[in-house]
Amino acid sequence: MSIVTVQLGQCGNQIGFEVFDALFSDSHCTQGLCSKRENEAYRSSCKERFFNEEENGVPIARAVLVDMEPKVINQTLSKAVQSSRWKYGQRSCFCQKQGSGNNWAYGYSVHGPRHEESVMNLIQKEVEKCDSLGGFFIIMSMAGGTGSGLGTFITQNLQDQYSSSLKMNHIIWPYGTGEVIVQNYNSILTLSHLYRSSDALLVHENDAVHKICAKLMNIKQISFNNINQVIAHQLGSVFQPTYSEEGSFHYRRNPLGIVLLYVINRKV
């Protein structure tokens, strides 16, 4: 089953790139103890989940990129092309020239209704490329206005239009002493709305990931790029193929469903 990723805002697009890059690198790793046949089966399963393939053989991420400013999306597209290993679809992006001003209400109540049709059409086109849709993975931050406000609005629309498909939101919890003065309000509004429209919330705290970089990786000057790479590798370990009960060469078909199953079992 395939997963359609929706990258929202600056944070969502930057992390989304690192996630796809980590997934591709892992699935094409040649150093390991597995046989050639096992590697090919693993690579094929990963590709089915996260990538389409063009005629020239370059994998294309099953993703929709959304931001209200073009800078980050242009940088993300450029980095993917420069990797020369995979890329984003040229018609899978939506951006405007006016941001959300770190205002949840502006992203939710203004940008959401105004651009609903355009964004949902892009998502529908990605869904139509899937032989079997496993669900949606929505990457967003809670501190700003686009990721939190517009991200919440899009999630609600996904719930309305694809009610039978799983929706998992990956949200970045802002630093306790963040630069966005209204981040606490944005976070509360985001969580209160996602509670009713998302099947699961996967949370990374900036403060916790910062400690990993400092104490476990011994990085002296920690950048957002370092933080995003740590998050991406952790997400890769969650979503990469795992064997089913049938044994070797048989991978679980519904990755989002498996994640939710384990979360529910842990709660029980």
Protein backbone atom coordinates (compact mmCIF):
# COMPACT_ATOMS: atom_id res chain seq x y z
CA MET A 1 0.00 0.00 0.00
CA SER A 2 1.16 3.51 -0.81
CA ILE A 3 1.39 6.50 1.52
CA VAL A 4 0.74 10.02 0.25
CA THR A 5 2.77 12.56 2.22
CA VAL A 6 1.56 16.14 2.61
CA GLN A 7 4.32 18.60 3.56
CA LEU A 8 3.01 21.84 5.04
CA GLY A 9 4.88 25.05 5.80
CA GLN A 10 8.60 25.64 6.18
CA CYS A 11 9.11 22.99 8.83
CA GLY A 12 6.98 20.37 7.08
CA ASN A 13 8.78 20.79 3.77
CA GLN A 14 12.26 20.75 5.26
CA ILE A 15 11.57 17.63 7.31
CA GLY A 16 9.72 16.01 4.42
CA PHE A 17 12.79 16.29 2.20
CA GLU A 18 15.00 14.70 4.87
CA VAL A 19 12.48 11.88 5.34
CA PHE A 20 12.38 10.96 1.65
CA ASP A 21 16.16 11.25 1.38
CA ALA A 22 16.62 8.95 4.38
CA LEU A 23 14.10 6.44 3.02
CA PHE A 24 15.80 6.35 -0.37
CA SER A 25 19.29 6.01 1.12
CA ASP A 26 18.21 3.19 3.40
CA SER A 27 16.41 1.22 0.69
CA HIS A 28 19.40 1.49 -1.68
CA CYS A 29 22.08 0.63 0.85
CA THR A 30 24.38 -2.11 -0.50
CA GLN A 31 26.29 -2.78 2.71
CA GLY A 32 24.50 -5.32 4.85
CA LEU A 33 23.99 -8.96 5.71
CA CYS A 34 20.93 -9.56 3.52
CA SER A 35 21.01 -11.46 0.26
CA LYS A 36 20.53 -9.75 -3.09
CA ARG A 37 17.02 -11.15 -3.32
CA GLU A 38 16.11 -9.81 0.12
CA ASN A 39 17.51 -6.38 -0.75
CA GLU A 40 15.48 -6.26 -3.96
CA ALA A 41 12.29 -7.23 -2.13
CA TYR A 42 12.94 -4.59 0.53
CA ARG A 43 13.67 -1.92 -2.09
CA SER A 44 10.55 -2.78 -4.07
CA SER A 45 8.34 -2.58 -0.98
CA CYS A 46 9.78 0.82 0.00
CA LYS A 47 9.36 2.15 -3.51
CA GLU A 48 5.73 1.08 -3.64
CA ARG A 49 5.02 2.97 -0.42
CA PHE A 50 6.80 6.25 -1.01
CA PHE A 51 7.79 6.70 -4.66
CA ASN A 52 6.45 6.70 -8.19
CA GLU A 53 8.79 6.14 -11.11
CA GLU A 54 9.16 8.26 -14.24
CA GLU A 55 10.00 6.95 -17.68
CA ASN A 56 13.67 7.82 -17.20
CA GLY A 57 13.81 5.71 -14.05
CA VAL A 58 14.13 8.53 -11.51
CA PRO A 59 11.85 7.89 -8.50
CA ILE A 60 9.34 10.63 -7.71
CA ALA A 61 8.18 11.12 -4.14
CA ARG A 62 4.50 10.50 -3.45
CA ALA A 63 4.16 13.92 -1.90
CA VAL A 64 2.35 17.23 -2.10
CA LEU A 65 4.28 20.33 -1.02
CA VAL A 66 2.30 23.26 0.36
CA ASP A 67 3.51 26.63 1.64
CA MET A 68 2.28 30.20 1.46
CA GLU A 69 5.73 31.47 0.48
CA PRO A 70 7.83 30.09 -2.42
CA LYS A 71 11.32 30.22 -0.90
CA VAL A 72 11.37 26.96 1.06
CA ILE A 73 9.52 24.97 -1.61
CA ASN A 74 11.98 26.15 -4.26
CA GLN A 75 14.89 25.18 -2.01
CA THR A 76 13.34 21.78 -1.32
CA LEU A 77 12.75 21.04 -5.01
CA SER A 78 16.30 22.12 -5.82
CA LYS A 79 17.87 19.92 -3.13
CA ALA A 80 15.95 16.89 -4.36
CA VAL A 81 17.08 17.47 -7.95
CA GLN A 82 20.68 18.05 -6.86
CA SER A 83 20.71 14.70 -5.09
CA SER A 84 20.22 13.16 -8.60
CA ARG A 85 18.70 10.10 -6.92
CA TRP A 86 15.04 11.07 -6.59
CA LYS A 87 12.89 14.16 -6.99
CA TYR A 88 9.49 15.70 -6.37
CA GLY A 89 6.84 15.96 -9.05
CA GLN A 90 6.89 19.32 -10.82
CA ARG A 91 3.12 19.62 -10.51
CA SER A 92 2.88 18.48 -6.90
CA CYS A 93 3.57 21.87 -5.32
CA PHE A 94 1.38 24.74 -4.22
CA CYS A 95 2.75 28.05 -2.98
CA GLN A 96 1.74 31.69 -2.78
CA LYS A 97 3.57 34.94 -2.13
CA GLN A 98 1.90 35.85 1.16
CA GLY A 99 2.67 33.96 4.35
CA SER A 100 0.45 33.37 7.36
CA GLY A 101 2.32 35.65 9.76
CA ASN A 102 2.60 32.92 12.43
CA ASN A 103 -1.15 33.31 12.83
CA TRP A 104 -3.07 30.02 13.18
CA ALA A 105 -6.41 31.69 12.47
CA TYR A 106 -5.11 33.24 9.25
CA GLY A 107 -3.83 29.91 7.99
CA TYR A 108 -7.01 28.10 8.99
CA SER A 109 -9.73 30.65 8.20
CA VAL A 110 -8.20 32.61 5.30
CA HIS A 111 -5.66 30.48 3.42
CA GLY A 112 -7.59 27.27 4.04
CA PRO A 113 -10.91 28.16 2.37
CA ARG A 114 -9.18 30.30 -0.26
CA HIS A 115 -6.86 27.54 -1.50
CA GLU A 116 -8.84 24.45 -0.52
CA GLU A 117 -9.75 23.40 -4.06
CA SER A 118 -6.23 23.80 -5.45
CA VAL A 119 -4.52 21.87 -2.66
CA MET A 120 -7.10 19.08 -2.55
CA ASN A 121 -6.86 18.66 -6.33
CA LEU A 122 -3.10 18.12 -6.03
CA ILE A 123 -3.67 15.54 -3.31
CA GLN A 124 -6.31 13.77 -5.40
CA LYS A 125 -3.89 13.50 -8.32
CA GLU A 126 -1.33 11.82 -6.05
CA VAL A 127 -3.98 9.45 -4.73
CA GLU A 128 -4.95 8.48 -8.28
CA LYS A 129 -1.36 7.37 -8.93
CA CYS A 130 -1.58 4.81 -6.12
CA ASP A 131 -2.61 1.24 -6.92
CA SER A 132 -3.71 0.89 -3.30
CA LEU A 133 -3.86 3.85 -0.91
CA GLY A 134 -2.65 3.08 2.60
CA GLY A 135 -3.32 6.55 3.98
CA PHE A 136 -1.92 10.03 4.43
CA PHE A 137 1.13 11.22 6.34
CA ILE A 138 0.86 14.93 7.12
CA ILE A 139 4.04 16.72 8.27
CA MET A 140 3.58 20.08 9.99
CA SER A 141 4.78 22.34 12.78
CA MET A 142 2.60 23.79 15.52
CA ALA A 143 4.52 27.04 16.05
CA GLY A 144 3.85 28.95 12.83
CA GLY A 145 0.67 29.80 10.95
CA THR A 146 0.79 27.79 7.72
CA GLY A 147 1.79 24.40 9.09
CA SER A 148 -0.52 24.63 12.08
CA GLY A 149 -3.53 26.53 10.70
CA LEU A 150 -3.59 25.42 7.07
CA GLY A 151 -2.34 21.97 8.09
CA THR A 152 -5.31 21.55 10.41
CA PHE A 153 -7.71 22.72 7.70
CA ILE A 154 -6.29 20.27 5.13
CA THR A 155 -6.43 17.41 7.63
CA GLN A 156 -10.12 18.08 8.22
CA ASN A 157 -10.72 18.07 4.47
CA LEU A 158 -8.90 14.75 4.15
CA GLN A 159 -11.14 13.35 6.86
CA ASP A 160 -14.22 14.53 4.95
CA GLN A 161 -13.11 13.30 1.52
CA TYR A 162 -11.15 10.17 2.49
CA SER A 163 -12.89 9.08 5.66
CA SER A 164 -11.96 5.40 5.20
CA SER A 165 -8.22 6.13 4.76
CA LEU A 166 -5.87 6.46 7.71
CA LYS A 167 -4.49 9.90 8.49
CA MET A 168 -1.41 10.33 10.66
CA ASN A 169 -0.13 13.80 11.53
CA HIS A 170 3.51 14.27 12.36
CA ILE A 171 3.73 17.45 14.41
CA ILE A 172 6.76 19.32 15.70
CA TRP A 173 6.37 20.56 19.26
CA PRO A 174 8.04 24.00 19.47
CA TYR A 175 10.92 24.88 21.77
CA GLY A 176 9.86 25.86 25.26
CA THR A 177 11.53 29.22 24.68
CA GLY A 178 10.68 29.60 21.01
CA GLU A 179 10.88 32.76 18.94
CA VAL A 180 7.19 32.76 17.99
CA ILE A 181 5.39 34.63 20.74
CA VAL A 182 1.98 33.11 19.89
CA GLN A 183 3.24 29.52 19.53
CA ASN A 184 1.34 28.37 22.62
CA TYR A 185 -1.96 29.55 21.18
CA ASN A 186 -1.15 28.02 17.80
CA SER A 187 -0.33 24.71 19.47
CA ILE A 188 -3.52 24.57 21.53
CA LEU A 189 -5.71 25.38 18.53
CA THR A 190 -3.92 22.79 16.39
CA LEU A 191 -4.24 19.98 18.91
CA SER A 192 -7.87 20.72 19.73
CA HIS A 193 -8.86 20.46 16.05
CA LEU A 194 -6.63 17.52 15.09
CA TYR A 195 -8.07 15.53 17.98
CA ARG A 196 -11.32 15.30 16.04
CA SER A 197 -9.98 14.76 12.51
CA SER A 198 -6.73 12.77 12.72
CA ASP A 199 -6.35 9.05 13.42
CA ALA A 200 -3.01 9.51 15.16
CA LEU A 201 -0.55 12.22 16.16
CA LEU A 202 3.16 11.47 16.04
CA VAL A 203 4.99 14.13 18.06
CA HIS A 204 8.62 15.21 18.08
CA GLU A 205 9.65 17.80 20.65
CA ASN A 206 12.33 20.22 19.49
CA ASP A 207 13.83 20.33 22.99
CA ALA A 208 14.10 16.53 23.17
CA VAL A 209 15.67 16.19 19.72
CA HIS A 210 18.06 19.04 20.58
CA LYS A 211 19.26 17.02 23.59
CA ILE A 212 19.83 13.98 21.37
CA CYS A 213 22.03 16.06 19.08
CA ALA A 214 23.98 17.51 22.01
CA LYS A 215 24.37 14.54 24.35
CA LEU A 216 24.24 11.46 22.11
CA MET A 217 25.70 12.83 18.87
CA ASN A 218 28.04 15.35 20.53
CA ILE A 219 27.22 18.11 18.05
CA LYS A 220 28.61 21.42 19.29
CA GLN A 221 26.69 23.87 17.13
CA ILE A 222 23.27 22.37 16.54
CA SER A 223 21.35 23.53 13.48
CA PHE A 224 17.80 22.83 12.34
CA ASN A 225 19.34 20.65 9.65
CA ASN A 226 20.83 18.42 12.37
CA ILE A 227 17.49 18.24 14.14
CA ASN A 228 15.59 17.47 10.94
CA GLN A 229 17.97 14.64 10.05
CA VAL A 230 17.52 13.01 13.45
CA ILE A 231 13.75 13.24 13.10
CA ALA A 232 13.90 11.86 9.55
CA HIS A 233 15.90 8.80 10.57
CA GLN A 234 13.52 8.07 13.42
CA LEU A 235 10.55 8.35 11.06
CA GLY A 236 12.30 6.08 8.58
CA SER A 237 12.63 3.39 11.24
CA VAL A 238 8.87 3.60 11.79
CA PHE A 239 7.73 3.49 8.17
CA GLN A 240 10.25 1.29 6.40
CA PRO A 241 9.04 -2.24 5.47
CA THR A 242 8.95 -4.95 8.13
CA TYR A 243 8.42 -8.67 7.67
CA SER A 244 4.93 -10.07 8.07
CA GLU A 245 4.11 -13.33 9.82
CA GLU A 246 4.66 -15.13 6.50
CA GLY A 247 8.42 -14.66 6.84
CA SER A 248 11.15 -13.50 4.46
CA PHE A 249 10.25 -11.53 1.33
CA HIS A 250 6.73 -10.90 2.65
CA TYR A 251 6.32 -7.38 4.01
CA ARG A 252 3.42 -5.89 5.88
CA ARG A 253 1.10 -4.20 3.42
CA ASN A 254 -0.37 -1.42 5.54
CA PRO A 255 2.38 0.52 7.35
CA LEU A 256 0.12 3.19 8.88
CA GLY A 257 -2.28 0.52 10.11
CA ILE A 258 0.56 -1.41 11.74
CA VAL A 259 1.83 1.71 13.52
CA LEU A 260 -1.66 2.46 14.84
CA LEU A 261 -2.12 -1.15 15.92
CA TYR A 262 1.03 -1.07 18.06
CA VAL A 263 0.09 2.31 19.54
CA ILE A 264 -3.33 0.97 20.54
CA ASN A 265 -1.85 -2.22 21.99
CA ARG A 266 0.60 -0.22 24.08
CA LYS A 267 -2.24 1.86 25.48
CA VAL A 268 -4.13 -1.29 26.39
